[in-house]
C-alpha atoms as a PDB file:
ATOM      1  CA  MET A   1      98.104 124.694  94.303  1.00  0.00           C
ATOM      2  CA  ILE A   2      96.428 123.138  97.342  1.00  0.00           C
ATOM      3  CA  PHE A   3      94.034 121.288  95.407  1.00  0.00           C
ATOM      4  CA  LEU A   4      96.840 119.696  93.618  1.00  0.00           C
ATOM      5  CA  GLN A   5      98.500 118.706  96.751  1.00  0.00           C
ATOM      6  CA  LEU A   6      95.424 117.399  98.217  1.00  0.00           C
ATOM      7  CA  PHE A   7      94.646 115.283  95.021  1.00  0.00           C
ATOM      8  CA  VAL A   8      98.258 113.643  94.881  1.00  0.00           C
ATOM      9  CA  THR A   9      98.260 112.922  98.621  1.00  0.00           C
ATOM     10  CA  PHE A  10      94.973 111.299  98.776  1.00  0.00           C
ATOM     11  CA  PHE A  11      95.570 109.674  95.298  1.00  0.00           C
ATOM     12  CA  GLN A  12      98.774 108.030  96.939  1.00  0.00           C
ATOM     13  CA  ILE A  13      96.819 106.878 100.113  1.00  0.00           C
ATOM     14  CA  GLY A  14      94.168 105.333  98.033  1.00  0.00           C
ATOM     15  CA  LEU A  15      97.016 103.548  95.885  1.00  0.00           C
ATOM     16  CA  PHE A  16      98.818 102.450  98.797  1.00  0.00           C
ATOM     17  CA  GLY A  17      95.889 101.898 101.690  1.00  0.00           C
ATOM     18  CA  PHE A  18      95.493  98.254 101.527  1.00  0.00           C
ATOM     19  CA  GLY A  19      93.328  97.079 104.005  1.00  0.00           C
ATOM     20  CA  GLY A  20      90.577  99.394 104.181  1.00  0.00           C
ATOM     21  CA  GLY A  21      89.862 102.374 105.786  1.00  0.00           C
ATOM     22  CA  TYR A  22      91.133 101.856 109.340  1.00  0.00           C
ATOM     23  CA  GLY A  23      94.292 100.811 107.461  1.00  0.00           C
ATOM     24  CA  MET A  24      94.289 104.156 105.752  1.00  0.00           C
ATOM     25  CA  LEU A  25      93.965 106.164 108.909  1.00  0.00           C
ATOM     26  CA  SER A  26      97.849 106.177 109.687  1.00  0.00           C
ATOM     27  CA  LEU A  27      98.631 107.088 106.261  1.00  0.00           C
ATOM     28  CA  ILE A  28      96.051 109.996 106.204  1.00  0.00           C
ATOM     29  CA  GLN A  29      97.394 110.998 109.517  1.00  0.00           C
ATOM     30  CA  THR A  30     100.742 111.075 108.438  1.00  0.00           C
ATOM     31  CA  GLU A  31     100.004 112.924 105.313  1.00  0.00           C
ATOM     32  CA  THR A  32      97.734 115.437 106.583  1.00  0.00           C
ATOM     33  CA  VAL A  33      98.763 116.165 110.153  1.00  0.00           C
ATOM     34  CA  ALA A  34     102.518 115.547 110.382  1.00  0.00           C
ATOM     35  CA  ARG A  35     103.999 116.077 106.636  1.00  0.00           C
ATOM     36  CA  HIS A  36     101.457 118.760 105.223  1.00  0.00           C
ATOM     37  CA  HIS A  37     100.351 120.313 108.362  1.00  0.00           C
ATOM     38  CA  TRP A  38      96.906 120.794 106.979  1.00  0.00           C
ATOM     39  CA  LEU A  39      95.169 119.570 110.375  1.00  0.00           C
ATOM     40  CA  THR A  40      96.173 119.743 114.129  1.00  0.00           C
ATOM     41  CA  SER A  41      96.338 116.249 115.992  1.00  0.00           C
ATOM     42  CA  ALA A  42      93.396 117.175 117.648  1.00  0.00           C
ATOM     43  CA  GLU A  43      91.299 117.883 114.268  1.00  0.00           C
ATOM     44  CA  PHE A  44      92.271 114.579 113.042  1.00  0.00           C
ATOM     45  CA  THR A  45      91.015 112.790 116.045  1.00  0.00           C
ATOM     46  CA  ASN A  46      87.812 114.495 115.915  1.00  0.00           C
ATOM     47  CA  ILE A  47      87.588 113.865 112.204  1.00  0.00           C
ATOM     48  CA  VAL A  48      88.007 110.068 112.981  1.00  0.00           C
ATOM     49  CA  ALA A  49      85.450 110.006 115.474  1.00  0.00           C
ATOM     50  CA  ILE A  50      82.862 111.799 113.037  1.00  0.00           C
ATOM     51  CA  SER A  51      84.127 109.238 110.622  1.00  0.00           C
ATOM     52  CA  GLN A  52      83.160 106.217 112.542  1.00  0.00           C
ATOM     53  CA  MET A  53      79.934 107.576 113.551  1.00  0.00           C
ATOM     54  CA  THR A  54      78.468 108.752 109.934  1.00  0.00           C
ATOM     55  CA  PRO A  55      77.442 105.869 107.675  1.00  0.00           C
ATOM     56  CA  GLY A  56      79.779 104.625 105.045  1.00  0.00           C
ATOM     57  CA  PRO A  57      83.566 103.582 105.000  1.00  0.00           C
ATOM     58  CA  ILE A  58      85.630 105.226 107.321  1.00  0.00           C
ATOM     59  CA  GLY A  59      88.307 106.088 104.839  1.00  0.00           C
ATOM     60  CA  ILE A  60      86.074 107.781 102.577  1.00  0.00           C
ATOM     61  CA  ASN A  61      84.259 109.757 105.109  1.00  0.00           C
ATOM     62  CA  SER A  62      87.895 110.610 106.773  1.00  0.00           C
ATOM     63  CA  ALA A  63      89.062 111.880 103.272  1.00  0.00           C
ATOM     64  CA  THR A  64      85.859 113.898 102.987  1.00  0.00           C
ATOM     65  CA  TYR A  65      86.243 115.713 106.161  1.00  0.00           C
ATOM     66  CA  CYS A  66      90.277 115.983 105.916  1.00  0.00           C
ATOM     67  CA  GLY A  67      89.427 117.589 102.785  1.00  0.00           C
ATOM     68  CA  TYR A  68      87.333 120.158 103.672  1.00  0.00           C
ATOM     69  CA  THR A  69      89.001 120.711 106.873  1.00  0.00           C
ATOM     70  CA  ALA A  70      92.413 121.568 105.263  1.00  0.00           C
ATOM     71  CA  ILE A  71      90.824 123.742 102.509  1.00  0.00           C
ATOM     72  CA  HIS A  72      89.025 125.518 105.324  1.00  0.00           C
ATOM     73  CA  ASN A  73      92.090 125.870 107.236  1.00  0.00           C
ATOM     74  CA  ALA A  74      93.760 127.415 104.513  1.00  0.00           C
ATOM     75  CA  GLY A  75      91.599 130.414 104.489  1.00  0.00           C
ATOM     76  CA  TYR A  76      88.998 129.481 101.916  1.00  0.00           C
ATOM     77  CA  GLY A  77      85.356 129.754 101.990  1.00  0.00           C
ATOM     78  CA  MET A  78      82.782 127.152 102.349  1.00  0.00           C
ATOM     79  CA  PRO A  79      82.215 126.496  98.573  1.00  0.00           C
ATOM     80  CA  MET A  80      85.936 125.728  98.169  1.00  0.00           C
ATOM     81  CA  ALA A  81      86.116 123.732 101.330  1.00  0.00           C
ATOM     82  CA  MET A  82      83.402 121.527  99.633  1.00  0.00           C
ATOM     83  CA  LEU A  83      85.412 121.275  96.439  1.00  0.00           C
ATOM     84  CA  GLY A  84      88.365 120.355  98.262  1.00  0.00           C
ATOM     85  CA  SER A  85      86.100 117.679 100.074  1.00  0.00           C
ATOM     86  CA  ALA A  86      85.260 116.415  96.578  1.00  0.00           C
ATOM     87  CA  THR A  87      88.708 116.434  95.642  1.00  0.00           C
ATOM     88  CA  ALA A  88      90.084 114.420  98.464  1.00  0.00           C
ATOM     89  CA  THR A  89      87.012 111.722  97.879  1.00  0.00           C
ATOM     90  CA  PHE A  90      87.573 111.585  94.534  1.00  0.00           C
ATOM     91  CA  SER A  91      91.201 110.967  94.622  1.00  0.00           C
ATOM     92  CA  LEU A  92      91.075 108.551  97.129  1.00  0.00           C
ATOM     93  CA  VAL A  93      88.761 106.091  95.382  1.00  0.00           C
ATOM     94  CA  LEU A  94      90.285 106.838  91.760  1.00  0.00           C
ATOM     95  CA  PRO A  95      93.282 104.327  92.070  1.00  0.00           C
ATOM     96  CA  SER A  96      90.758 101.516  93.289  1.00  0.00           C
ATOM     97  CA  PHE A  97      88.371 102.260  90.654  1.00  0.00           C
ATOM     98  CA  ILE A  98      91.320 102.138  87.868  1.00  0.00           C
ATOM     99  CA  LEU A  99      92.993  99.250  89.236  1.00  0.00           C
ATOM    100  CA  MET A 100      89.649  97.350  89.767  1.00  0.00           C
ATOM    101  CA  ILE A 101      89.002  97.827  85.834  1.00  0.00           C
ATOM    102  CA  LEU A 102      92.550  96.769  84.814  1.00  0.00           C
ATOM    103  CA  ILE A 103      92.755  93.541  86.921  1.00  0.00           C
ATOM    104  CA  SER A 104      89.279  92.316  87.171  1.00  0.00           C
ATOM    105  CA  LYS A 105      89.419  90.142  84.214  1.00  0.00           C
ATOM    106  CA  MET A 106      92.795  88.845  85.060  1.00  0.00           C
ATOM    107  CA  PHE A 107      92.125  88.271  88.567  1.00  0.00           C
ATOM    108  CA  MET A 108      89.083  86.045  87.679  1.00  0.00           C
ATOM    109  CA  LYS A 109      91.064  84.127  85.553  1.00  0.00           C
ATOM    110  CA  TYR A 110      94.203  83.447  87.466  1.00  0.00           C
ATOM    111  CA  MET A 111      92.574  83.669  91.021  1.00  0.00           C
ATOM    112  CA  ARG A 112      93.328  80.205  91.750  1.00  0.00           C
ATOM    113  CA  THR A 113      96.927  80.101  91.113  1.00  0.00           C
ATOM    114  CA  ASP A 114      99.995  80.013  93.787  1.00  0.00           C
ATOM    115  CA  VAL A 115     101.127  83.398  92.535  1.00  0.00           C
ATOM    116  CA  VAL A 116      98.006  85.104  93.248  1.00  0.00           C
ATOM    117  CA  GLN A 117      97.222  83.188  96.706  1.00  0.00           C
ATOM    118  CA  ASN A 118     101.021  83.900  97.760  1.00  0.00           C
ATOM    119  CA  VAL A 119     100.458  87.750  97.136  1.00  0.00           C
ATOM    120  CA  PHE A 120      97.396  87.664  99.357  1.00  0.00           C
ATOM    121  CA  GLU A 121      99.357  85.805 102.222  1.00  0.00           C
ATOM    122  CA  GLY A 122     101.899  88.377 101.655  1.00  0.00           C
ATOM    123  CA  LEU A 123      99.745  90.930 102.122  1.00  0.00           C
ATOM    124  CA  ARG A 124      97.857  90.048 105.197  1.00  0.00           C
ATOM    125  CA  PRO A 125     100.429  90.855 107.817  1.00  0.00           C
ATOM    126  CA  ALA A 126     100.694  94.254 106.190  1.00  0.00           C
ATOM    127  CA  VAL A 127      97.164  94.837 106.786  1.00  0.00           C
ATOM    128  CA  VAL A 128      97.534  93.797 110.088  1.00  0.00           C
ATOM    129  CA  GLY A 129     100.442  96.111 110.745  1.00  0.00           C
ATOM    130  CA  LEU A 130      98.424  98.957 109.218  1.00  0.00           C
ATOM    131  CA  LEU A 131      95.593  98.523 111.147  1.00  0.00           C
ATOM    132  CA  ALA A 132      97.713  98.063 114.414  1.00  0.00           C
ATOM    133  CA  ALA A 133      99.375 101.405 113.528  1.00  0.00           C
ATOM    134  CA  ALA A 134      96.177 102.971 113.444  1.00  0.00           C
ATOM    135  CA  THR A 135      95.064 102.044 116.447  1.00  0.00           C
ATOM    136  CA  LEU A 136      98.068 102.728 118.327  1.00  0.00           C
ATOM    137  CA  MET A 137      97.941 106.257 116.807  1.00  0.00           C
ATOM    138  CA  LEU A 138      94.433 106.860 118.375  1.00  0.00           C
ATOM    139  CA  CYS A 139      95.522 105.793 121.578  1.00  0.00           C
ATOM    140  CA  ASN A 140      96.789 109.292 122.478  1.00  0.00           C
ATOM    141  CA  GLY A 141      96.379 111.756 125.181  1.00  0.00           C
ATOM    142  CA  GLU A 142      93.646 113.587 123.355  1.00  0.00           C
ATOM    143  CA  ASN A 143      91.458 110.049 123.590  1.00  0.00           C
ATOM    144  CA  PHE A 144      92.466 108.582 126.798  1.00  0.00           C
ATOM    145  CA  ASN A 145      94.004 111.598 128.544  1.00  0.00           C
ATOM    146  CA  THR A 146      96.949 110.699 130.815  1.00  0.00           C
ATOM    147  CA  PRO A 147      97.124 109.065 134.350  1.00  0.00           C
ATOM    148  CA  ILE A 148      99.097 112.446 135.632  1.00  0.00           C
ATOM    149  CA  VAL A 149      96.958 114.955 134.086  1.00  0.00           C
ATOM    150  CA  ASN A 150      93.479 113.295 134.741  1.00  0.00           C
ATOM    151  CA  PRO A 151      93.471 109.869 136.312  1.00  0.00           C
ATOM    152  CA  TRP A 152      89.838 109.632 136.544  1.00  0.00           C
ATOM    153  CA  ARG A 153      89.137 110.005 132.824  1.00  0.00           C
ATOM    154  CA  PHE A 154      92.040 107.976 131.879  1.00  0.00           C
ATOM    155  CA  TYR A 155      91.134 104.817 133.897  1.00  0.00           C
ATOM    156  CA  ILE A 156      87.415 105.190 132.813  1.00  0.00           C
ATOM    157  CA  SER A 157      88.578 105.498 129.127  1.00  0.00           C
ATOM    158  CA  LEU A 158      90.604 102.208 129.796  1.00  0.00           C
ATOM    159  CA  ALA A 159      87.850 100.786 131.585  1.00  0.00           C
ATOM    160  CA  LEU A 160      85.377 101.525 128.646  1.00  0.00           C
ATOM    161  CA  PHE A 161      87.938 100.411 126.171  1.00  0.00           C
ATOM    162  CA  ALA A 162      88.401  96.829 127.821  1.00  0.00           C
ATOM    163  CA  ALA A 163      84.638  96.665 128.411  1.00  0.00           C
ATOM    164  CA  THR A 164      84.027  96.892 124.520  1.00  0.00           C
ATOM    165  CA  PHE A 165      86.654  94.632 123.557  1.00  0.00           C
ATOM    166  CA  VAL A 166      85.482  92.099 125.993  1.00  0.00           C
ATOM    167  CA  GLY A 167      81.791  92.577 125.086  1.00  0.00           C
ATOM    168  CA  THR A 168      82.380  92.160 121.270  1.00  0.00           C
ATOM    169  CA  MET A 169      85.061  89.562 121.147  1.00  0.00           C
ATOM    170  CA  TRP A 170      83.987  87.201 123.698  1.00  0.00           C
ATOM    171  CA  PHE A 171      80.325  87.933 124.399  1.00  0.00           C
ATOM    172  CA  ARG A 172      79.407  88.776 120.877  1.00  0.00           C
ATOM    173  CA  ILE A 173      77.672  91.917 121.580  1.00  0.00           C
ATOM    174  CA  ASN A 174      76.412  93.687 118.634  1.00  0.00           C
ATOM    175  CA  PRO A 175      79.125  96.550 117.965  1.00  0.00           C
ATOM    176  CA  ILE A 176      76.586  99.211 117.308  1.00  0.00           C
ATOM    177  CA  ARG A 177      74.947  98.321 120.707  1.00  0.00           C
ATOM    178  CA  MET A 178      78.463  98.423 122.360  1.00  0.00           C
ATOM    179  CA  ILE A 179      79.426 101.950 121.121  1.00  0.00           C
ATOM    180  CA  CYS A 180      76.110 103.017 122.470  1.00  0.00           C
ATOM    181  CA  PHE A 181      76.604 101.650 125.711  1.00  0.00           C
ATOM    182  CA  ALA A 182      80.221 103.098 125.895  1.00  0.00           C
ATOM    183  CA  ALA A 183      78.772 106.534 124.740  1.00  0.00           C
ATOM    184  CA  PHE A 184      76.252 106.448 127.674  1.00  0.00           C
ATOM    185  CA  ALA A 185      78.664 105.329 130.131  1.00  0.00           C
ATOM    186  CA  GLY A 186      81.267 107.800 129.018  1.00  0.00           C
ATOM    187  CA  LEU A 187      78.822 110.507 129.025  1.00  0.00           C
ATOM    188  CA  ILE A 188      77.431 109.698 132.914  1.00  0.00           C
ATOM    189  CA  LEU A 189      80.999 108.945 134.038  1.00  0.00           C
ATOM    190  CA  LEU A 190      83.083 111.631 132.295  1.00  0.00           C
ATOM    191  CA  TYR A 191      81.060 114.769 132.479  1.00  0.00           C
END
């Protein structure tokens, strides 16, 4: 039963997750942590961190890790957890695959029409909203701590976030380099 729920959940996320992987993160967290309670908030945060560091799209990586962790937390062994991982990943990409096959010919034919351009203009704010929601959901006590519990860790986390933002946005430093710099600085300053 959990495999069917996993399939339906990630199929819906794949169907409505406009904006790519970062746009899907808030949907994945809502479904796996809040609605189904397959994962804890800490496990989801760890999954997002691992998904960002591994090669490939973050949405697919998150689905893979969420499927594995959800089945493993349900009490199944590693082979079944790997099947859960495959189920979540497959069901996440299936809607995109189906939709691309169905609309690719029509899209190429009608790409320059006003209706299609208006649809894309309407989707842009929704994508920005999904990305902002994912960002705000990750700005929690587990990632940044709180100024009351551990002020040193909180302010160092904020400083690293600000430095990374400024470095990539205005100084055009390669994001991979900035991630490495921030990781190194975090290891030195926080541990």
